[in-house]
Amino acid sequence: MNDKFLKIVLLLIAVSLWILVLQNFDIIKTPKDVYVINTVDVQGSVDVSGSVSVDNTVDVNLDEVLGYRVGCRKSYAIDGRQYNSIDVSVR
């Protein structure tokens, strides 16, 4: 009984991990919704009954995030290219 239960639990863990791997490689498609709360100036009418797709850039103010000041520091380098990380510090 205990051996059968252990095999079932290990099988569920293995299947769950493979599902996560396949989702990360976009083999299993999962919806990725992004909600932007901001005001948008629109000329004309907008139909909001379906999903909205924006094929453009969105300006983001990174002076403050959630009311905290934002800083930037060198984080890591890959193949000689430097990448920065954004730090949020309490005032």
PDB file of N, CA and C in Angstrom:
ATOM      1  N   MET A   1       0.828  -1.200   0.000  1.00  0.00           N
ATOM      2  CA  MET A   1       0.000   0.000   0.000  1.00  0.00           C
ATOM      3  C   MET A   1       0.864   1.251   0.000  1.00  0.00           C
ATOM      4  N   ASN A   2       1.857   1.296   0.893  1.00  0.00           N
ATOM      5  CA  ASN A   2       2.712   2.468   1.007  1.00  0.00           C
ATOM      6  C   ASN A   2       3.553   2.651  -0.257  1.00  0.00           C
ATOM      7  N   ASP A   3       4.025   1.534  -0.844  1.00  0.00           N
ATOM      8  CA  ASP A   3       4.835   1.596  -2.058  1.00  0.00           C
ATOM      9  C   ASP A   3       4.013   2.125  -3.237  1.00  0.00           C
ATOM     10  N   LYS A   4       2.773   1.719  -3.348  1.00  0.00           N
ATOM     11  CA  LYS A   4       1.890   2.173  -4.417  1.00  0.00           C
ATOM     12  C   LYS A   4       1.600   3.665  -4.276  1.00  0.00           C
ATOM     13  N   PHE A   5       1.357   4.131  -3.060  1.00  0.00           N
ATOM     14  CA  PHE A   5       1.101   5.545  -2.798  1.00  0.00           C
ATOM     15  C   PHE A   5       2.320   6.387  -3.170  1.00  0.00           C
ATOM     16  N   LEU A   6       3.514   5.925  -2.811  1.00  0.00           N
ATOM     17  CA  LEU A   6       4.745   6.643  -3.119  1.00  0.00           C
ATOM     18  C   LEU A   6       4.952   6.749  -4.631  1.00  0.00           C
ATOM     19  N   LYS A   7       4.655   5.693  -5.367  1.00  0.00           N
ATOM     20  CA  LYS A   7       4.795   5.720  -6.823  1.00  0.00           C
ATOM     21  C   LYS A   7       3.822   6.719  -7.442  1.00  0.00           C
ATOM     22  N   ILE A   8       2.608   6.789  -6.928  1.00  0.00           N
ATOM     23  CA  ILE A   8       1.615   7.728  -7.456  1.00  0.00           C
ATOM     24  C   ILE A   8       2.050   9.167  -7.187  1.00  0.00           C
ATOM     25  N   VAL A   9       2.542   9.444  -5.990  1.00  0.00           N
ATOM     26  CA  VAL A   9       2.993  10.788  -5.642  1.00  0.00           C
ATOM     27  C   VAL A   9       4.178  11.202  -6.518  1.00  0.00           C
ATOM     28  N   LEU A  10       5.144  10.290  -6.708  1.00  0.00           N
ATOM     29  CA  LEU A  10       6.298  10.601  -7.553  1.00  0.00           C
ATOM     30  C   LEU A  10       5.886  10.818  -9.005  1.00  0.00           C
ATOM     31  N   LEU A  11       4.912  10.056  -9.479  1.00  0.00           N
ATOM     32  CA  LEU A  11       4.415  10.238 -10.838  1.00  0.00           C
ATOM     33  C   LEU A  11       3.744  11.606 -10.994  1.00  0.00           C
ATOM     34  N   LEU A  12       2.940  12.012 -10.017  1.00  0.00           N
ATOM     35  CA  LEU A  12       2.300  13.332 -10.066  1.00  0.00           C
ATOM     36  C   LEU A  12       3.326  14.461 -10.047  1.00  0.00           C
ATOM     37  N   ILE A  13       4.364  14.311  -9.255  1.00  0.00           N
ATOM     38  CA  ILE A  13       5.418  15.331  -9.203  1.00  0.00           C
ATOM     39  C   ILE A  13       6.130  15.410 -10.547  1.00  0.00           C
ATOM     40  N   ALA A  14       6.463  14.271 -11.141  1.00  0.00           N
ATOM     41  CA  ALA A  14       7.160  14.249 -12.427  1.00  0.00           C
ATOM     42  C   ALA A  14       6.298  14.870 -13.527  1.00  0.00           C
ATOM     43  N   VAL A  15       5.008  14.543 -13.565  1.00  0.00           N
ATOM     44  CA  VAL A  15       4.106  15.098 -14.580  1.00  0.00           C
ATOM     45  C   VAL A  15       3.985  16.609 -14.388  1.00  0.00           C
ATOM     46  N   SER A  16       3.869  17.067 -13.159  1.00  0.00           N
ATOM     47  CA  SER A  16       3.756  18.501 -12.883  1.00  0.00           C
ATOM     48  C   SER A  16       5.002  19.250 -13.333  1.00  0.00           C
ATOM     49  N   LEU A  17       6.169  18.694 -13.066  1.00  0.00           N
ATOM     50  CA  LEU A  17       7.407  19.350 -13.487  1.00  0.00           C
ATOM     51  C   LEU A  17       7.511  19.423 -15.009  1.00  0.00           C
ATOM     52  N   TRP A  18       7.128  18.360 -15.698  1.00  0.00           N
ATOM     53  CA  TRP A  18       7.180  18.377 -17.161  1.00  0.00           C
ATOM     54  C   TRP A  18       6.173  19.369 -17.740  1.00  0.00           C
ATOM     55  N   ILE A  19       5.027  19.513 -17.115  1.00  0.00           N
ATOM     56  CA  ILE A  19       4.056  20.511 -17.575  1.00  0.00           C
ATOM     57  C   ILE A  19       4.647  21.908 -17.455  1.00  0.00           C
ATOM     58  N   LEU A  20       5.336  22.200 -16.350  1.00  0.00           N
ATOM     59  CA  LEU A  20       5.969  23.505 -16.168  1.00  0.00           C
ATOM     60  C   LEU A  20       7.064  23.750 -17.206  1.00  0.00           C
ATOM     61  N   VAL A  21       7.856  22.724 -17.497  1.00  0.00           N
ATOM     62  CA  VAL A  21       8.917  22.859 -18.498  1.00  0.00           C
ATOM     63  C   VAL A  21       8.312  23.142 -19.871  1.00  0.00           C
ATOM     64  N   LEU A  22       7.275  22.412 -20.238  1.00  0.00           N
ATOM     65  CA  LEU A  22       6.643  22.600 -21.540  1.00  0.00           C
ATOM     66  C   LEU A  22       5.963  23.964 -21.643  1.00  0.00           C
ATOM     67  N   GLN A  23       5.415  24.468 -20.544  1.00  0.00           N
ATOM     68  CA  GLN A  23       4.831  25.807 -20.553  1.00  0.00           C
ATOM     69  C   GLN A  23       5.904  26.876 -20.718  1.00  0.00           C
ATOM     70  N   ASN A  24       7.055  26.690 -20.077  1.00  0.00           N
ATOM     71  CA  ASN A  24       8.127  27.674 -20.182  1.00  0.00           C
ATOM     72  C   ASN A  24       8.702  27.748 -21.582  1.00  0.00           C
ATOM     73  N   PHE A  25       8.680  26.642 -22.323  1.00  0.00           N
ATOM     74  CA  PHE A  25       9.164  26.644 -23.699  1.00  0.00           C
ATOM     75  C   PHE A  25       8.044  26.925 -24.696  1.00  0.00           C
ATOM     76  N   ASP A  26       6.880  27.322 -24.218  1.00  0.00           N
ATOM     77  CA  ASP A  26       5.717  27.652 -25.047  1.00  0.00           C
ATOM     78  C   ASP A  26       5.264  26.502 -25.934  1.00  0.00           C
ATOM     79  N   ILE A  27       5.535  25.291 -25.524  1.00  0.00           N
ATOM     80  CA  ILE A  27       4.994  24.128 -26.236  1.00  0.00           C
ATOM     81  C   ILE A  27       3.536  23.949 -25.831  1.00  0.00           C
ATOM     82  N   ILE A  28       3.255  24.163 -24.565  1.00  0.00           N
ATOM     83  CA  ILE A  28       1.877  24.229 -24.072  1.00  0.00           C
ATOM     84  C   ILE A  28       1.559  25.713 -23.941  1.00  0.00           C
ATOM     85  N   LYS A  29       0.639  26.187 -24.755  1.00  0.00           N
ATOM     86  CA  LYS A  29       0.301  27.614 -24.765  1.00  0.00           C
ATOM     87  C   LYS A  29      -0.589  27.954 -23.570  1.00  0.00           C
ATOM     88  N   THR A  30      -0.204  28.983 -22.837  1.00  0.00           N
ATOM     89  CA  THR A  30      -1.016  29.472 -21.729  1.00  0.00           C
ATOM     90  C   THR A  30      -1.208  30.972 -21.921  1.00  0.00           C
ATOM     91  N   PRO A  31      -2.383  31.492 -21.614  1.00  0.00           N
ATOM     92  CA  PRO A  31      -2.606  32.931 -21.790  1.00  0.00           C
ATOM     93  C   PRO A  31      -1.773  33.732 -20.799  1.00  0.00           C
ATOM     94  N   LYS A  32      -1.203  34.800 -21.300  1.00  0.00           N
ATOM     95  CA  LYS A  32      -0.388  35.685 -20.464  1.00  0.00           C
ATOM     96  C   LYS A  32      -1.002  37.075 -20.547  1.00  0.00           C
ATOM     97  N   ASP A  33      -1.889  37.367 -19.636  1.00  0.00           N
ATOM     98  CA  ASP A  33      -2.572  38.657 -19.627  1.00  0.00           C
ATOM     99  C   ASP A  33      -1.752  39.668 -18.845  1.00  0.00           C
ATOM    100  N   VAL A  34      -1.667  40.871 -19.374  1.00  0.00           N
ATOM    101  CA  VAL A  34      -0.981  41.966 -18.708  1.00  0.00           C
ATOM    102  C   VAL A  34      -1.989  43.087 -18.548  1.00  0.00           C
ATOM    103  N   TYR A  35      -2.141  43.562 -17.346  1.00  0.00           N
ATOM    104  CA  TYR A  35      -3.064  44.651 -17.072  1.00  0.00           C
ATOM    105  C   TYR A  35      -2.274  45.916 -16.777  1.00  0.00           C
ATOM    106  N   VAL A  36      -2.528  46.966 -17.552  1.00  0.00           N
ATOM    107  CA  VAL A  36      -1.894  48.260 -17.342  1.00  0.00           C
ATOM    108  C   VAL A  36      -2.978  49.213 -16.887  1.00  0.00           C
ATOM    109  N   ILE A  37      -2.798  49.751 -15.697  1.00  0.00           N
ATOM    110  CA  ILE A  37      -3.781  50.695 -15.161  1.00  0.00           C
ATOM    111  C   ILE A  37      -3.218  52.085 -15.379  1.00  0.00           C
ATOM    112  N   ASN A  38      -3.814  52.786 -16.304  1.00  0.00           N
ATOM    113  CA  ASN A  38      -3.356  54.122 -16.649  1.00  0.00           C
ATOM    114  C   ASN A  38      -4.448  54.778 -17.475  1.00  0.00           C
ATOM    115  N   THR A  39      -4.307  56.055 -17.711  1.00  0.00           N
ATOM    116  CA  THR A  39      -5.261  56.748 -18.570  1.00  0.00           C
ATOM    117  C   THR A  39      -4.736  56.739 -19.998  1.00  0.00           C
ATOM    118  N   VAL A  40      -5.654  56.601 -20.935  1.00  0.00           N
ATOM    119  CA  VAL A  40      -5.298  56.566 -22.348  1.00  0.00           C
ATOM    120  C   VAL A  40      -6.200  57.542 -23.075  1.00  0.00           C
ATOM    121  N   ASP A  41      -5.598  58.418 -23.873  1.00  0.00           N
ATOM    122  CA  ASP A  41      -6.369  59.352 -24.688  1.00  0.00           C
ATOM    123  C   ASP A  41      -6.754  58.664 -25.988  1.00  0.00           C
ATOM    124  N   VAL A  42      -8.051  58.550 -26.241  1.00  0.00           N
ATOM    125  CA  VAL A  42      -8.546  57.867 -27.430  1.00  0.00           C
ATOM    126  C   VAL A  42      -9.420  58.837 -28.207  1.00  0.00           C
ATOM    127  N   GLN A  43      -9.175  58.897 -29.497  1.00  0.00           N
ATOM    128  CA  GLN A  43     -10.037  59.690 -30.363  1.00  0.00           C
ATOM    129  C   GLN A  43     -10.916  58.728 -31.136  1.00  0.00           C
ATOM    130  N   GLY A  44     -12.201  58.825 -30.949  1.00  0.00           N
ATOM    131  CA  GLY A  44     -13.126  57.889 -31.568  1.00  0.00           C
ATOM    132  C   GLY A  44     -13.732  56.991 -30.505  1.00  0.00           C
ATOM    133  N   SER A  45     -14.190  55.830 -30.920  1.00  0.00           N
ATOM    134  CA  SER A  45     -14.816  54.910 -29.970  1.00  0.00           C
ATOM    135  C   SER A  45     -13.943  53.669 -29.787  1.00  0.00           C
ATOM    136  N   VAL A  46     -14.120  53.015 -28.654  1.00  0.00           N
ATOM    137  CA  VAL A  46     -13.357  51.817 -28.327  1.00  0.00           C
ATOM    138  C   VAL A  46     -14.325  50.720 -27.936  1.00  0.00           C
ATOM    139  N   ASP A  47     -14.147  49.531 -28.515  1.00  0.00           N
ATOM    140  CA  ASP A  47     -14.945  48.366 -28.154  1.00  0.00           C
ATOM    141  C   ASP A  47     -14.151  47.552 -27.146  1.00  0.00           C
ATOM    142  N   VAL A  48     -14.640  47.440 -25.913  1.00  0.00           N
ATOM    143  CA  VAL A  48     -13.913  46.725 -24.871  1.00  0.00           C
ATOM    144  C   VAL A  48     -14.539  45.371 -24.578  1.00  0.00           C
ATOM    145  N   SER A  49     -15.307  44.840 -25.518  1.00  0.00           N
ATOM    146  CA  SER A  49     -15.944  43.548 -25.272  1.00  0.00           C
ATOM    147  C   SER A  49     -14.955  42.395 -25.423  1.00  0.00           C
ATOM    148  N   GLY A  50     -13.875  42.593 -26.187  1.00  0.00           N
ATOM    149  CA  GLY A  50     -12.886  41.531 -26.390  1.00  0.00           C
ATOM    150  C   GLY A  50     -11.568  41.918 -25.764  1.00  0.00           C
ATOM    151  N   SER A  51     -10.508  41.264 -26.202  1.00  0.00           N
ATOM    152  CA  SER A  51      -9.185  41.589 -25.678  1.00  0.00           C
ATOM    153  C   SER A  51      -8.590  42.738 -26.470  1.00  0.00           C
ATOM    154  N   VAL A  52      -7.657  43.435 -25.858  1.00  0.00           N
ATOM    155  CA  VAL A  52      -7.022  44.586 -26.474  1.00  0.00           C
ATOM    156  C   VAL A  52      -5.569  44.236 -26.741  1.00  0.00           C
ATOM    157  N   SER A  53      -5.104  44.513 -27.950  1.00  0.00           N
ATOM    158  CA  SER A  53      -3.721  44.262 -28.317  1.00  0.00           C
ATOM    159  C   SER A  53      -3.074  45.586 -28.694  1.00  0.00           C
ATOM    160  N   VAL A  54      -1.915  45.860 -28.106  1.00  0.00           N
ATOM    161  CA  VAL A  54      -1.188  47.086 -28.406  1.00  0.00           C
ATOM    162  C   VAL A  54       0.117  46.689 -29.077  1.00  0.00           C
ATOM    163  N   ASP A  55       0.274  47.100 -30.320  1.00  0.00           N
ATOM    164  CA  ASP A  55       1.498  46.801 -31.057  1.00  0.00           C
ATOM    165  C   ASP A  55       2.371  48.042 -31.108  1.00  0.00           C
ATOM    166  N   ASN A  56       2.747  48.526 -29.952  1.00  0.00           N
ATOM    167  CA  ASN A  56       3.523  49.743 -29.861  1.00  0.00           C
ATOM    168  C   ASN A  56       4.262  49.728 -28.531  1.00  0.00           C
ATOM    169  N   THR A  57       5.003  50.751 -28.263  1.00  0.00           N
ATOM    170  CA  THR A  57       5.701  50.831 -26.988  1.00  0.00           C
ATOM    171  C   THR A  57       4.851  51.592 -25.977  1.00  0.00           C
ATOM    172  N   VAL A  58       5.063  51.310 -24.717  1.00  0.00           N
ATOM    173  CA  VAL A  58       4.360  51.982 -23.633  1.00  0.00           C
ATOM    174  C   VAL A  58       5.394  52.704 -22.786  1.00  0.00           C
ATOM    175  N   ASP A  59       5.196  53.989 -22.558  1.00  0.00           N
ATOM    176  CA  ASP A  59       6.107  54.778 -21.754  1.00  0.00           C
ATOM    177  C   ASP A  59       5.877  54.456 -20.278  1.00  0.00           C
ATOM    178  N   VAL A  60       6.946  54.116 -19.590  1.00  0.00           N
ATOM    179  CA  VAL A  60       6.859  53.769 -18.174  1.00  0.00           C
ATOM    180  C   VAL A  60       7.788  54.699 -17.407  1.00  0.00           C
ATOM    181  N   ASN A  61       7.263  55.332 -16.375  1.00  0.00           N
ATOM    182  CA  ASN A  61       8.054  56.216 -15.534  1.00  0.00           C
ATOM    183  C   ASN A  61       8.677  55.383 -14.426  1.00  0.00           C
ATOM    184  N   LEU A  62      10.002  55.269 -14.426  1.00  0.00           N
ATOM    185  CA  LEU A  62      10.674  54.468 -13.418  1.00  0.00           C
ATOM    186  C   LEU A  62      11.325  55.313 -12.330  1.00  0.00           C
ATOM    187  N   ASP A  63      10.876  56.565 -12.163  1.00  0.00           N
ATOM    188  CA  ASP A  63      11.373  57.368 -11.054  1.00  0.00           C
ATOM    189  C   ASP A  63      10.851  56.830  -9.736  1.00  0.00           C
ATOM    190  N   GLU A  64       9.628  56.334  -9.750  1.00  0.00           N
ATOM    191  CA  GLU A  64       9.029  55.754  -8.557  1.00  0.00           C
ATOM    192  C   GLU A  64       8.248  54.507  -8.940  1.00  0.00           C
ATOM    193  N   VAL A  65       8.336  53.506  -8.089  1.00  0.00           N
ATOM    194  CA  VAL A  65       7.547  52.290  -8.246  1.00  0.00           C
ATOM    195  C   VAL A  65       6.814  52.065  -6.938  1.00  0.00           C
ATOM    196  N   LEU A  66       5.502  52.076  -6.997  1.00  0.00           N
ATOM    197  CA  LEU A  66       4.657  51.901  -5.813  1.00  0.00           C
ATOM    198  C   LEU A  66       5.007  52.907  -4.716  1.00  0.00           C
ATOM    199  N   GLY A  67       5.401  54.118  -5.120  1.00  0.00           N
ATOM    200  CA  GLY A  67       5.686  55.164  -4.151  1.00  0.00           C
ATOM    201  C   GLY A  67       7.098  55.150  -3.587  1.00  0.00           C
ATOM    202  N   TYR A  68       7.951  54.228  -4.039  1.00  0.00           N
ATOM    203  CA  TYR A  68       9.328  54.156  -3.558  1.00  0.00           C
ATOM    204  C   TYR A  68      10.283  54.605  -4.657  1.00  0.00           C
ATOM    205  N   ARG A  69      11.399  55.222  -4.271  1.00  0.00           N
ATOM    206  CA  ARG A  69      12.379  55.666  -5.252  1.00  0.00           C
ATOM    207  C   ARG A  69      13.061  54.460  -5.892  1.00  0.00           C
ATOM    208  N   VAL A  70      13.472  54.625  -7.143  1.00  0.00           N
ATOM    209  CA  VAL A  70      14.073  53.539  -7.899  1.00  0.00           C
ATOM    210  C   VAL A  70      15.532  53.867  -8.169  1.00  0.00           C
ATOM    211  N   GLY A  71      16.390  52.870  -8.010  1.00  0.00           N
ATOM    212  CA  GLY A  71      17.798  53.009  -8.347  1.00  0.00           C
ATOM    213  C   GLY A  71      18.203  51.926  -9.325  1.00  0.00           C
ATOM    214  N   CYS A  72      19.356  52.093  -9.936  1.00  0.00           N
ATOM    215  CA  CYS A  72      19.827  51.136 -10.925  1.00  0.00           C
ATOM    216  C   CYS A  72      21.274  50.794 -10.593  1.00  0.00           C
ATOM    217  N   ARG A  73      21.640  49.525 -10.730  1.00  0.00           N
ATOM    218  CA  ARG A  73      23.018  49.112 -10.482  1.00  0.00           C
ATOM    219  C   ARG A  73      23.401  48.023 -11.474  1.00  0.00           C
ATOM    220  N   LYS A  74      24.697  47.882 -11.687  1.00  0.00           N
ATOM    221  CA  LYS A  74      25.173  46.817 -12.558  1.00  0.00           C
ATOM    222  C   LYS A  74      24.903  45.485 -11.873  1.00  0.00           C
ATOM    223  N   SER A  75      24.309  44.566 -12.578  1.00  0.00           N
ATOM    224  CA  SER A  75      23.902  43.319 -11.963  1.00  0.00           C
ATOM    225  C   SER A  75      24.767  42.142 -12.413  1.00  0.00           C
ATOM    226  N   TYR A  76      24.888  41.943 -13.725  1.00  0.00           N
ATOM    227  CA  TYR A  76      25.659  40.808 -14.219  1.00  0.00           C
ATOM    228  C   TYR A  76      26.055  41.065 -15.668  1.00  0.00           C
ATOM    229  N   ALA A  77      26.987  40.260 -16.178  1.00  0.00           N
ATOM    230  CA  ALA A  77      27.430  40.375 -17.561  1.00  0.00           C
ATOM    231  C   ALA A  77      27.349  39.008 -18.226  1.00  0.00           C
ATOM    232  N   ILE A  78      26.858  38.995 -19.466  1.00  0.00           N
ATOM    233  CA  ILE A  78      26.812  37.773 -20.267  1.00  0.00           C
ATOM    234  C   ILE A  78      27.452  38.086 -21.604  1.00  0.00           C
ATOM    235  N   ASP A  79      28.453  37.314 -21.969  1.00  0.00           N
ATOM    236  CA  ASP A  79      29.165  37.492 -23.238  1.00  0.00           C
ATOM    237  C   ASP A  79      29.654  38.925 -23.419  1.00  0.00           C
ATOM    238  N   GLY A  80      30.139  39.523 -22.360  1.00  0.00           N
ATOM    239  CA  GLY A  80      30.676  40.872 -22.432  1.00  0.00           C
ATOM    240  C   GLY A  80      29.643  41.982 -22.429  1.00  0.00           C
ATOM    241  N   ARG A  81      28.375  41.643 -22.385  1.00  0.00           N
ATOM    242  CA  ARG A  81      27.310  42.656 -22.370  1.00  0.00           C
ATOM    243  C   ARG A  81      26.834  42.838 -20.936  1.00  0.00           C
ATOM    244  N   GLN A  82      26.850  44.077 -20.462  1.00  0.00           N
ATOM    245  CA  GLN A  82      26.484  44.382 -19.079  1.00  0.00           C
ATOM    246  C   GLN A  82      24.973  44.556 -18.946  1.00  0.00           C
ATOM    247  N   TYR A  83      24.393  43.938 -17.926  1.00  0.00           N
ATOM    248  CA  TYR A  83      22.962  44.067 -17.638  1.00  0.00           C
ATOM    249  C   TYR A  83      22.795  44.733 -16.287  1.00  0.00           C
ATOM    250  N   ASN A  84      21.796  45.584 -16.181  1.00  0.00           N
ATOM    251  CA  ASN A  84      21.532  46.315 -14.948  1.00  0.00           C
ATOM    252  C   ASN A  84      20.269  45.781 -14.289  1.00  0.00           C
ATOM    253  N   SER A  85      20.189  45.961 -12.994  1.00  0.00           N
ATOM    254  CA  SER A  85      18.962  45.611 -12.278  1.00  0.00           C
ATOM    255  C   SER A  85      18.397  46.879 -11.660  1.00  0.00           C
ATOM    256  N   ILE A  86      17.099  46.857 -11.453  1.00  0.00           N
ATOM    257  CA  ILE A  86      16.407  48.003 -10.864  1.00  0.00           C
ATOM    258  C   ILE A  86      16.112  47.675  -9.409  1.00  0.00           C
ATOM    259  N   ASP A  87      16.551  48.538  -8.523  1.00  0.00           N
ATOM    260  CA  ASP A  87      16.334  48.352  -7.099  1.00  0.00           C
ATOM    261  C   ASP A  87      15.312  49.370  -6.626  1.00  0.00           C
ATOM    262  N   VAL A  88      14.429  48.931  -5.752  1.00  0.00           N
ATOM    263  CA  VAL A  88      13.464  49.828  -5.137  1.00  0.00           C
ATOM    264  C   VAL A  88      13.809  49.916  -3.658  1.00  0.00           C
ATOM    265  N   SER A  89      14.052  51.135  -3.186  1.00  0.00           N
ATOM    266  CA  SER A  89      14.422  51.303  -1.785  1.00  0.00           C
ATOM    267  C   SER A  89      13.362  52.136  -1.072  1.00  0.00           C
ATOM    268  N   VAL A  90      13.191  51.837   0.185  1.00  0.00           N
ATOM    269  CA  VAL A  90      12.230  52.572   1.015  1.00  0.00           C
ATOM    270  C   VAL A  90      12.806  53.947   1.300  1.00  0.00           C
ATOM    271  N   ARG A  91      11.958  54.962   1.268  1.00  0.00           N
ATOM    272  CA  ARG A  91      12.412  56.331   1.507  1.00  0.00           C
ATOM    273  C   ARG A  91      12.868  56.519   2.920  1.00  0.00           C
TER     274      ARG A  91
END
